[in-house]
Amino acid sequence: MIDLNEHTLELDYPCSWKYKLVVREHTNINTVITDVIEQREHSVKPSKTSSKGKFKSYTMELIVHNEEDRKMLYELLGKHTDIKMIV
């Protein structure tokens, strides 16, 4: 088995990166994303809705400039109170 903690991603930056965001069904995803990334250019596409309809997932894609930028965005998105999970 490969231990992913022992390996780092080797990406050519800047590159396009996707974050899968899970939020409650009534959450305005555009407001949430704007809270975190402000005016950065991005795209958001609906992905799935949970079987009981309580949660929705979206795929957000944007350009990350380096590994620190990619990780910082992950942390900021994860800290937002309306985002329940990042997959």
C-alpha atoms as a PDB file:
ATOM      1  CA  MET A   1       0.000   0.000   0.000  1.00  0.00           C
ATOM      2  CA  ILE A   2       1.233   3.511  -0.799  1.00  0.00           C
ATOM      3  CA  ASP A   3       1.417   5.953   2.107  1.00  0.00           C
ATOM      4  CA  LEU A   4       0.297   9.223   0.558  1.00  0.00           C
ATOM      5  CA  ASN A   5       1.771  11.199   3.465  1.00  0.00           C
ATOM      6  CA  GLU A   6       5.241  10.213   2.256  1.00  0.00           C
ATOM      7  CA  HIS A   7       4.648  11.584  -1.238  1.00  0.00           C
ATOM      8  CA  THR A   8       4.077  15.079  -2.519  1.00  0.00           C
ATOM      9  CA  LEU A   9       2.185  16.033  -5.625  1.00  0.00           C
ATOM     10  CA  GLU A  10       4.418  17.085  -8.452  1.00  0.00           C
ATOM     11  CA  LEU A  11       2.415  19.664 -10.346  1.00  0.00           C
ATOM     12  CA  ASP A  12       3.444  22.237 -12.893  1.00  0.00           C
ATOM     13  CA  TYR A  13       2.182  25.523 -11.490  1.00  0.00           C
ATOM     14  CA  PRO A  14       0.192  27.529 -12.270  1.00  0.00           C
ATOM     15  CA  CYS A  15      -2.435  24.888 -12.990  1.00  0.00           C
ATOM     16  CA  SER A  16      -6.159  24.342 -12.886  1.00  0.00           C
ATOM     17  CA  TRP A  17      -7.390  22.725  -9.661  1.00  0.00           C
ATOM     18  CA  LYS A  18     -10.813  21.429  -8.656  1.00  0.00           C
ATOM     19  CA  TYR A  19     -12.328  21.487  -5.188  1.00  0.00           C
ATOM     20  CA  LYS A  20     -15.495  19.486  -4.506  1.00  0.00           C
ATOM     21  CA  LEU A  21     -17.543  21.423  -1.932  1.00  0.00           C
ATOM     22  CA  VAL A  22     -20.412  19.955   0.096  1.00  0.00           C
ATOM     23  CA  VAL A  23     -22.921  22.409   1.600  1.00  0.00           C
ATOM     24  CA  ARG A  24     -26.431  22.313   3.070  1.00  0.00           C
ATOM     25  CA  GLU A  25     -29.120  22.454   0.387  1.00  0.00           C
ATOM     26  CA  HIS A  26     -30.233  26.009   1.190  1.00  0.00           C
ATOM     27  CA  THR A  27     -26.717  27.493   1.057  1.00  0.00           C
ATOM     28  CA  ASN A  28     -25.934  30.058  -1.641  1.00  0.00           C
ATOM     29  CA  ILE A  29     -22.711  28.558  -2.980  1.00  0.00           C
ATOM     30  CA  ASN A  30     -21.740  31.699  -4.893  1.00  0.00           C
ATOM     31  CA  THR A  31     -21.836  33.800  -1.711  1.00  0.00           C
ATOM     32  CA  VAL A  32     -19.769  31.219   0.156  1.00  0.00           C
ATOM     33  CA  ILE A  33     -17.120  31.064  -2.564  1.00  0.00           C
ATOM     34  CA  THR A  34     -16.948  34.848  -2.863  1.00  0.00           C
ATOM     35  CA  ASP A  35     -16.401  35.038   0.910  1.00  0.00           C
ATOM     36  CA  VAL A  36     -13.291  32.889   0.511  1.00  0.00           C
ATOM     37  CA  ILE A  37     -11.736  33.652  -2.862  1.00  0.00           C
ATOM     38  CA  GLU A  38     -13.135  37.160  -3.345  1.00  0.00           C
ATOM     39  CA  GLN A  39     -12.709  38.265  -6.977  1.00  0.00           C
ATOM     40  CA  ARG A  40     -10.556  35.380  -8.244  1.00  0.00           C
ATOM     41  CA  GLU A  41     -11.731  33.967 -11.527  1.00  0.00           C
ATOM     42  CA  HIS A  42     -13.350  30.556 -11.078  1.00  0.00           C
ATOM     43  CA  SER A  43     -16.128  28.296 -12.285  1.00  0.00           C
ATOM     44  CA  VAL A  44     -18.734  26.465 -10.213  1.00  0.00           C
ATOM     45  CA  LYS A  45     -20.825  23.550 -11.396  1.00  0.00           C
ATOM     46  CA  PRO A  46     -23.480  21.643  -9.468  1.00  0.00           C
ATOM     47  CA  SER A  47     -22.449  18.065  -8.877  1.00  0.00           C
ATOM     48  CA  LYS A  48     -24.779  15.937  -6.750  1.00  0.00           C
ATOM     49  CA  THR A  49     -27.594  16.176  -4.220  1.00  0.00           C
ATOM     50  CA  SER A  50     -27.764  13.795  -1.260  1.00  0.00           C
ATOM     51  CA  SER A  51     -30.476  11.116  -1.309  1.00  0.00           C
ATOM     52  CA  LYS A  52     -32.581  12.988   1.254  1.00  0.00           C
ATOM     53  CA  GLY A  53     -31.862  16.369  -0.310  1.00  0.00           C
ATOM     54  CA  LYS A  54     -30.170  17.900   2.751  1.00  0.00           C
ATOM     55  CA  PHE A  55     -26.808  18.443   1.079  1.00  0.00           C
ATOM     56  CA  LYS A  56     -25.563  19.508  -2.337  1.00  0.00           C
ATOM     57  CA  SER A  57     -22.101  19.265  -3.790  1.00  0.00           C
ATOM     58  CA  TYR A  58     -20.447  21.580  -6.269  1.00  0.00           C
ATOM     59  CA  THR A  59     -17.212  21.472  -8.196  1.00  0.00           C
ATOM     60  CA  MET A  60     -15.251  24.708  -8.083  1.00  0.00           C
ATOM     61  CA  GLU A  61     -12.364  25.073 -10.514  1.00  0.00           C
ATOM     62  CA  LEU A  62      -9.739  27.796 -10.548  1.00  0.00           C
ATOM     63  CA  ILE A  63      -6.085  28.429 -11.255  1.00  0.00           C
ATOM     64  CA  VAL A  64      -3.736  27.824  -8.342  1.00  0.00           C
ATOM     65  CA  HIS A  65      -0.366  29.525  -8.551  1.00  0.00           C
ATOM     66  CA  ASN A  66       1.716  27.246  -6.334  1.00  0.00           C
ATOM     67  CA  GLU A  67       1.414  24.551  -3.664  1.00  0.00           C
ATOM     68  CA  GLU A  68       1.006  27.096  -0.863  1.00  0.00           C
ATOM     69  CA  ASP A  69      -1.850  28.766  -2.739  1.00  0.00           C
ATOM     70  CA  ARG A  70      -3.578  25.404  -3.320  1.00  0.00           C
ATOM     71  CA  LYS A  71      -3.269  24.381   0.334  1.00  0.00           C
ATOM     72  CA  MET A  72      -4.264  27.817   1.645  1.00  0.00           C
ATOM     73  CA  LEU A  73      -7.474  27.746  -0.413  1.00  0.00           C
ATOM     74  CA  TYR A  74      -8.253  24.254   0.889  1.00  0.00           C
ATOM     75  CA  GLU A  75      -7.810  25.448   4.479  1.00  0.00           C
ATOM     76  CA  LEU A  76      -9.855  28.632   3.977  1.00  0.00           C
ATOM     77  CA  LEU A  77     -12.683  26.727   2.305  1.00  0.00           C
ATOM     78  CA  GLY A  78     -12.598  24.129   5.082  1.00  0.00           C
ATOM     79  CA  LYS A  79     -12.890  26.795   7.776  1.00  0.00           C
ATOM     80  CA  HIS A  80     -15.971  28.421   6.242  1.00  0.00           C
ATOM     81  CA  THR A  81     -18.977  27.657   8.444  1.00  0.00           C
ATOM     82  CA  ASP A  82     -21.281  26.906   5.503  1.00  0.00           C
ATOM     83  CA  ILE A  83     -18.983  24.341   3.903  1.00  0.00           C
ATOM     84  CA  LYS A  84     -19.552  20.969   5.524  1.00  0.00           C
ATOM     85  CA  MET A  85     -16.900  19.025   3.655  1.00  0.00           C
ATOM     86  CA  ILE A  86     -14.299  19.258   0.918  1.00  0.00           C
ATOM     87  CA  VAL A  87     -13.869  16.057  -1.044  1.00  0.00           C
END
